[in-house]
Protein backbone atom coordinates (compact mmCIF):
# COMPACT_ATOMS: atom_id res chain seq x y z
CA MET A 1 -7.22 -34.41 -37.43
CA THR A 2 -6.22 -35.06 -41.03
CA GLY A 3 -7.67 -33.83 -44.30
CA ASP A 4 -9.07 -35.89 -47.11
CA ASP A 5 -5.63 -36.19 -48.63
CA GLY A 6 -4.16 -37.49 -45.34
CA SER A 7 -2.35 -34.25 -44.50
CA SER A 8 -2.47 -32.72 -41.01
CA ASP A 9 -4.80 -29.81 -40.27
CA ARG A 10 -2.40 -28.31 -37.72
CA GLY A 11 -0.95 -24.98 -38.76
CA PRO A 12 2.63 -23.90 -38.25
CA THR A 13 1.72 -22.20 -34.96
CA ASP A 14 0.43 -25.45 -33.46
CA ALA A 15 3.57 -27.27 -34.50
CA ALA A 16 5.81 -24.59 -33.02
CA PHE A 17 4.26 -25.06 -29.57
CA ASP A 18 4.18 -28.83 -29.59
CA PRO A 19 5.43 -29.83 -26.10
CA SER A 20 7.35 -32.73 -27.61
CA ASP A 21 9.19 -30.35 -29.94
CA LYS A 22 12.66 -29.37 -28.73
CA ARG A 23 12.17 -25.86 -30.12
CA ALA A 24 9.11 -25.37 -27.87
CA ARG A 25 11.10 -26.35 -24.77
CA THR A 26 13.78 -23.76 -25.55
CA LEU A 27 11.35 -21.00 -26.51
CA GLY A 28 12.39 -17.68 -24.97
CA ARG A 29 15.97 -18.68 -24.22
CA GLY A 30 17.36 -15.88 -26.36
CA PHE A 31 15.02 -13.18 -25.08
CA PHE A 32 17.43 -11.78 -22.53
CA GLU A 33 20.84 -12.20 -24.08
CA GLU A 34 23.38 -9.41 -23.54
CA GLU A 35 23.37 -8.45 -27.20
CA SER A 36 19.59 -7.91 -27.23
CA ALA A 37 18.46 -4.45 -28.26
CA PRO A 38 17.08 -2.00 -25.63
CA GLY A 39 13.57 -2.49 -27.04
CA SER A 40 13.66 -6.23 -26.46
CA ALA A 41 11.70 -8.32 -23.96
CA MET A 42 14.02 -7.21 -21.14
CA ALA A 43 12.93 -3.59 -21.52
CA HIS A 44 9.24 -4.59 -21.51
CA LEU A 45 9.82 -6.79 -18.48
CA TYR A 46 11.46 -3.92 -16.62
CA ARG A 47 8.66 -1.52 -17.53
CA GLY A 48 6.04 -3.98 -16.28
CA GLU A 49 7.81 -4.49 -12.95
CA LEU A 50 8.22 -0.73 -12.56
CA HIS A 51 4.48 -0.26 -13.09
CA ARG A 52 3.63 -2.87 -10.46
CA MET A 53 6.03 -1.24 -8.00
CA LYS A 54 4.40 2.14 -8.61
CA LEU A 55 0.91 0.77 -7.92
CA TRP A 56 2.00 -0.77 -4.61
CA ARG A 57 3.82 2.44 -3.68
CA GLU A 58 0.53 4.30 -4.13
CA ARG A 59 -1.21 1.81 -1.84
CA LEU A 60 1.34 2.64 0.88
CA ASP A 61 0.70 6.34 0.43
CA ARG A 62 -3.05 5.89 0.78
CA THR A 63 -2.64 4.13 4.14
CA THR A 64 -0.33 6.87 5.38
CA ASN A 65 -2.78 9.56 4.28
CA TRP A 66 -5.60 7.89 6.21
CA ALA A 67 -3.44 7.62 9.34
CA VAL A 68 -2.52 11.32 9.21
CA THR A 69 -6.12 12.35 8.56
CA VAL A 70 -7.51 10.31 11.45
CA MET A 71 -4.80 11.59 13.80
CA ALA A 72 -5.43 15.22 12.84
CA ALA A 73 -9.20 14.85 13.34
CA ILE A 74 -8.78 13.25 16.78
CA LEU A 75 -6.29 15.84 18.00
CA THR A 76 -8.52 18.67 16.79
CA TRP A 77 -11.47 17.28 18.73
CA ALA A 78 -9.42 16.51 21.85
CA PHE A 79 -8.11 20.08 22.14
CA ALA A 80 -11.33 21.80 21.10
CA ASP A 81 -12.77 21.70 24.64
CA PRO A 82 -11.03 20.94 27.98
CA SER A 83 -14.04 18.81 28.97
CA ASN A 84 -13.45 16.36 26.12
CA PRO A 85 -11.89 13.13 27.44
CA HIS A 86 -8.16 12.77 26.97
CA TYR A 87 -8.31 9.06 26.24
CA VAL A 88 -9.66 9.76 22.76
CA ILE A 89 -6.02 10.51 21.89
CA LEU A 90 -5.15 6.99 23.03
CA VAL A 91 -7.90 5.66 20.77
CA GLY A 92 -6.23 7.60 17.96
CA GLY A 93 -2.95 5.86 18.80
CA VAL A 94 -4.67 2.49 18.49
CA MET A 95 -6.06 3.49 15.09
CA VAL A 96 -2.65 4.64 13.88
CA GLY A 97 -1.24 1.30 15.09
CA ILE A 98 -3.82 -0.54 12.99
CA PHE A 99 -2.82 1.49 9.96
CA LEU A 100 0.82 0.62 10.72
CA VAL A 101 0.05 -3.11 10.67
CA ILE A 102 -1.88 -2.79 7.40
CA GLU A 103 0.89 -0.74 5.80
CA ALA A 104 3.58 -3.19 6.93
CA ARG A 105 1.72 -5.99 5.15
CA ARG A 106 1.47 -3.86 2.01
CA TYR A 107 5.14 -2.96 2.30
CA ARG A 108 6.09 -6.66 2.15
CA GLY A 109 4.16 -6.94 -1.11
CA TYR A 110 5.69 -3.72 -2.43
CA ASP A 111 9.18 -5.05 -1.65
CA ILE A 112 8.62 -8.05 -3.96
CA TRP A 113 8.30 -5.80 -7.00
CA ARG A 114 10.86 -3.27 -5.78
CA SER A 115 13.49 -5.98 -5.30
CA ARG A 116 12.97 -7.17 -8.89
CA VAL A 117 13.30 -3.64 -10.23
CA ARG A 118 16.50 -3.08 -8.26
CA LEU A 119 17.90 -6.41 -9.45
CA LEU A 120 17.42 -5.34 -13.05
CA GLN A 121 18.73 -1.84 -12.45
CA GLU A 122 21.91 -3.02 -10.73
CA ASN A 123 22.79 -5.92 -12.99
CA VAL A 124 21.39 -4.90 -16.40
CA PHE A 125 21.04 -1.17 -16.83
CA ALA A 126 23.89 -0.06 -14.59
CA TYR A 127 26.16 -2.57 -16.32
CA ALA A 128 25.01 -1.34 -19.74
CA LEU A 129 25.83 2.25 -18.79
CA ASP A 130 29.21 1.45 -17.24
CA PRO A 131 30.53 -2.08 -17.95
CA SER A 132 33.81 -1.36 -16.14
CA HIS A 133 32.22 -2.08 -12.75
CA GLY A 134 30.74 -5.43 -13.81
CA VAL A 135 27.51 -6.77 -12.34
CA VAL A 136 26.60 -6.67 -8.68
CA ASP A 137 25.38 -10.26 -8.50
CA ASP A 138 26.73 -12.88 -10.90
CA ASP A 139 23.79 -15.14 -10.04
CA TRP A 140 21.07 -12.55 -10.66
CA ARG A 141 19.50 -14.43 -13.59
CA ARG A 142 18.85 -17.56 -11.55
CA LYS A 143 17.48 -15.54 -8.61
CA LEU A 144 15.10 -13.61 -10.85
CA ALA A 145 13.97 -16.78 -12.61
CA ASP A 146 13.31 -18.52 -9.26
CA ASP A 147 11.34 -15.51 -8.06
CA TYR A 148 9.16 -15.61 -11.16
CA ARG A 149 8.53 -19.33 -10.70
CA THR A 150 7.74 -18.98 -6.99
CA PRO A 151 7.15 -15.38 -5.85
CA THR A 152 8.01 -15.01 -2.16
CA THR A 153 8.25 -12.16 0.32
CA LYS A 154 11.83 -11.08 0.98
CA ILE A 155 11.51 -9.43 4.40
CA SER A 156 9.93 -10.35 7.71
CA TYR A 157 6.86 -8.65 9.16
CA GLU A 158 8.99 -7.14 11.92
CA GLU A 159 11.40 -5.56 9.44
CA ALA A 160 8.50 -4.15 7.44
CA ILE A 161 7.10 -2.56 10.60
CA ALA A 162 10.54 -1.13 11.41
CA HIS A 163 10.77 0.41 7.92
CA ARG A 164 7.39 2.11 8.20
CA LEU A 165 8.14 3.30 11.74
CA ARG A 166 11.39 4.89 10.56
CA ARG A 167 9.81 6.59 7.60
CA VAL A 168 6.39 7.69 8.87
CA TYR A 169 4.83 6.17 11.95
CA LEU A 170 7.29 6.78 14.78
CA PRO A 171 7.00 10.59 14.26
CA LEU A 172 3.21 10.19 14.26
CA PHE A 173 3.28 8.25 17.53
CA THR A 174 5.67 10.85 18.99
CA VAL A 175 3.21 13.62 18.15
CA LEU A 176 0.35 11.65 19.73
CA VAL A 177 2.30 10.97 22.93
CA ALA A 178 3.39 14.61 23.20
CA ALA A 179 -0.18 15.79 22.58
CA TRP A 180 -1.50 13.44 25.24
CA LEU A 181 1.05 14.69 27.79
CA VAL A 182 0.08 18.29 27.07
CA ARG A 183 -3.59 17.36 27.31
CA VAL A 184 -3.33 15.72 30.75
CA CYS A 185 -0.68 18.01 32.26
CA VAL A 186 -1.56 21.49 31.03
CA MET A 187 -5.21 21.87 30.04
CA PRO A 188 -7.17 20.35 33.01
CA PRO A 189 -7.47 22.35 36.26
CA THR A 190 -6.17 19.39 38.28
CA GLY A 191 -2.70 18.07 37.65
CA TRP A 192 -1.17 14.74 36.76
CA PRO A 193 -1.62 11.86 37.61
CA THR A 194 -5.29 12.38 38.46
CA THR A 195 -6.11 13.68 34.99
CA ALA A 196 -4.37 10.73 33.29
CA ALA A 197 -6.74 8.14 34.79
CA VAL A 198 -9.02 6.18 32.49
CA GLY A 199 -12.07 4.92 34.35
CA MET A 200 -10.87 2.76 37.25
CA VAL A 201 -7.31 2.62 35.93
CA PRO A 202 -5.03 5.02 37.85
CA GLY A 203 -3.17 7.70 35.95
CA VAL A 204 0.22 6.29 36.94
CA VAL A 205 -0.65 2.93 35.40
CA VAL A 206 -1.95 4.56 32.21
CA THR A 207 1.17 6.70 31.89
CA GLY A 208 3.44 3.72 32.53
CA GLY A 209 1.64 1.66 29.89
CA ILE A 210 1.94 4.41 27.31
CA GLY A 211 5.64 4.79 28.11
CA LEU A 212 6.27 1.05 27.72
CA VAL A 213 4.44 0.92 24.37
CA TYR A 214 6.38 3.91 23.06
CA LEU A 215 9.73 2.46 24.21
CA GLY A 216 8.78 -0.81 22.49
CA LEU A 217 8.16 1.04 19.23
CA VAL A 218 11.50 2.84 19.55
CA SER A 219 13.33 -0.45 20.17
CA VAL A 220 11.71 -2.07 17.13
CA THR A 221 12.64 0.95 15.03
CA PHE A 222 16.28 1.33 15.99
CA ARG A 223 17.48 -2.08 17.15
CA PRO A 224 20.53 -3.34 15.20
CA ARG A 225 19.56 -5.75 12.45
CA ARG A 226 20.64 -6.99 9.05
CA TRP A 227 18.26 -5.27 6.65
CA ARG A 228 16.98 -7.62 3.97
CA ALA A 229 15.01 -5.07 1.93
CA HIS A 230 16.77 -5.07 -1.44
CA GLY A 231 17.87 -1.63 -2.63
CA GLU A 232 16.16 0.38 0.12
CA LEU A 233 17.35 3.99 0.14
CA ARG A 234 18.15 5.14 3.68
CA ASN A 235 19.19 8.42 5.22
CA HIS A 236 22.83 7.45 5.63
CA ASP A 237 22.98 6.59 1.92
CA ILE A 238 21.75 10.09 1.08
CA GLY A 239 24.39 11.57 3.36
CA ALA A 240 27.10 9.48 1.71
CA TRP A 241 26.01 10.74 -1.71
CA ASP A 242 26.12 14.36 -0.49
CA ASP A 243 29.68 13.82 0.75
CA MET A 244 30.73 12.62 -2.71
CA GLU A 245 29.49 15.73 -4.48
């Protein structure tokens, strides 16, 4: 629109964001230059990604807490009375497995934000603290820009399950299997394999199935693989740091 005197009604803000204006197309190019101050857009970007990572980390913790609570309740009931059926412990194992699947899906989402935070820590803040080591990835700007344009998961579902098994769930399954063995071998008056039967399924078959499932979980947890989780802190990294001190 134009005024009575033929002048444009657009303010300076409208002109600055005109898509045909070259300045609008280059807006933000200088936000993340190396000489930018610590309080610049890079610092705010990092703080935002750190906040998102923290929220997803809390979602993981909530799933783990529910798995531990359910397992504790089931074990308490199973050992409260010898007449209580032993297969309720197996039901608890199924429930813990469901929590594992849910947490693996959340872990893939958590890794998106964690990988961005680690990319900034390694190539921006670590370099700012000690420039003598250079940057870890010379192409980190393009990778971060592509991830902002098209966010994608970085790890497979199987790797996410392996991570959660290593950290939390394999010990939980180990406790459940050990509790089930004690329940069917020690508490009942009759011995194994009679006490391990579930309905018409013989105890030998039930025990063999449980053993195969547990061995499958162990193989998923410890099989050699190339870990794609960016910046994941593992036990051998902690040991290497202790050796340096």
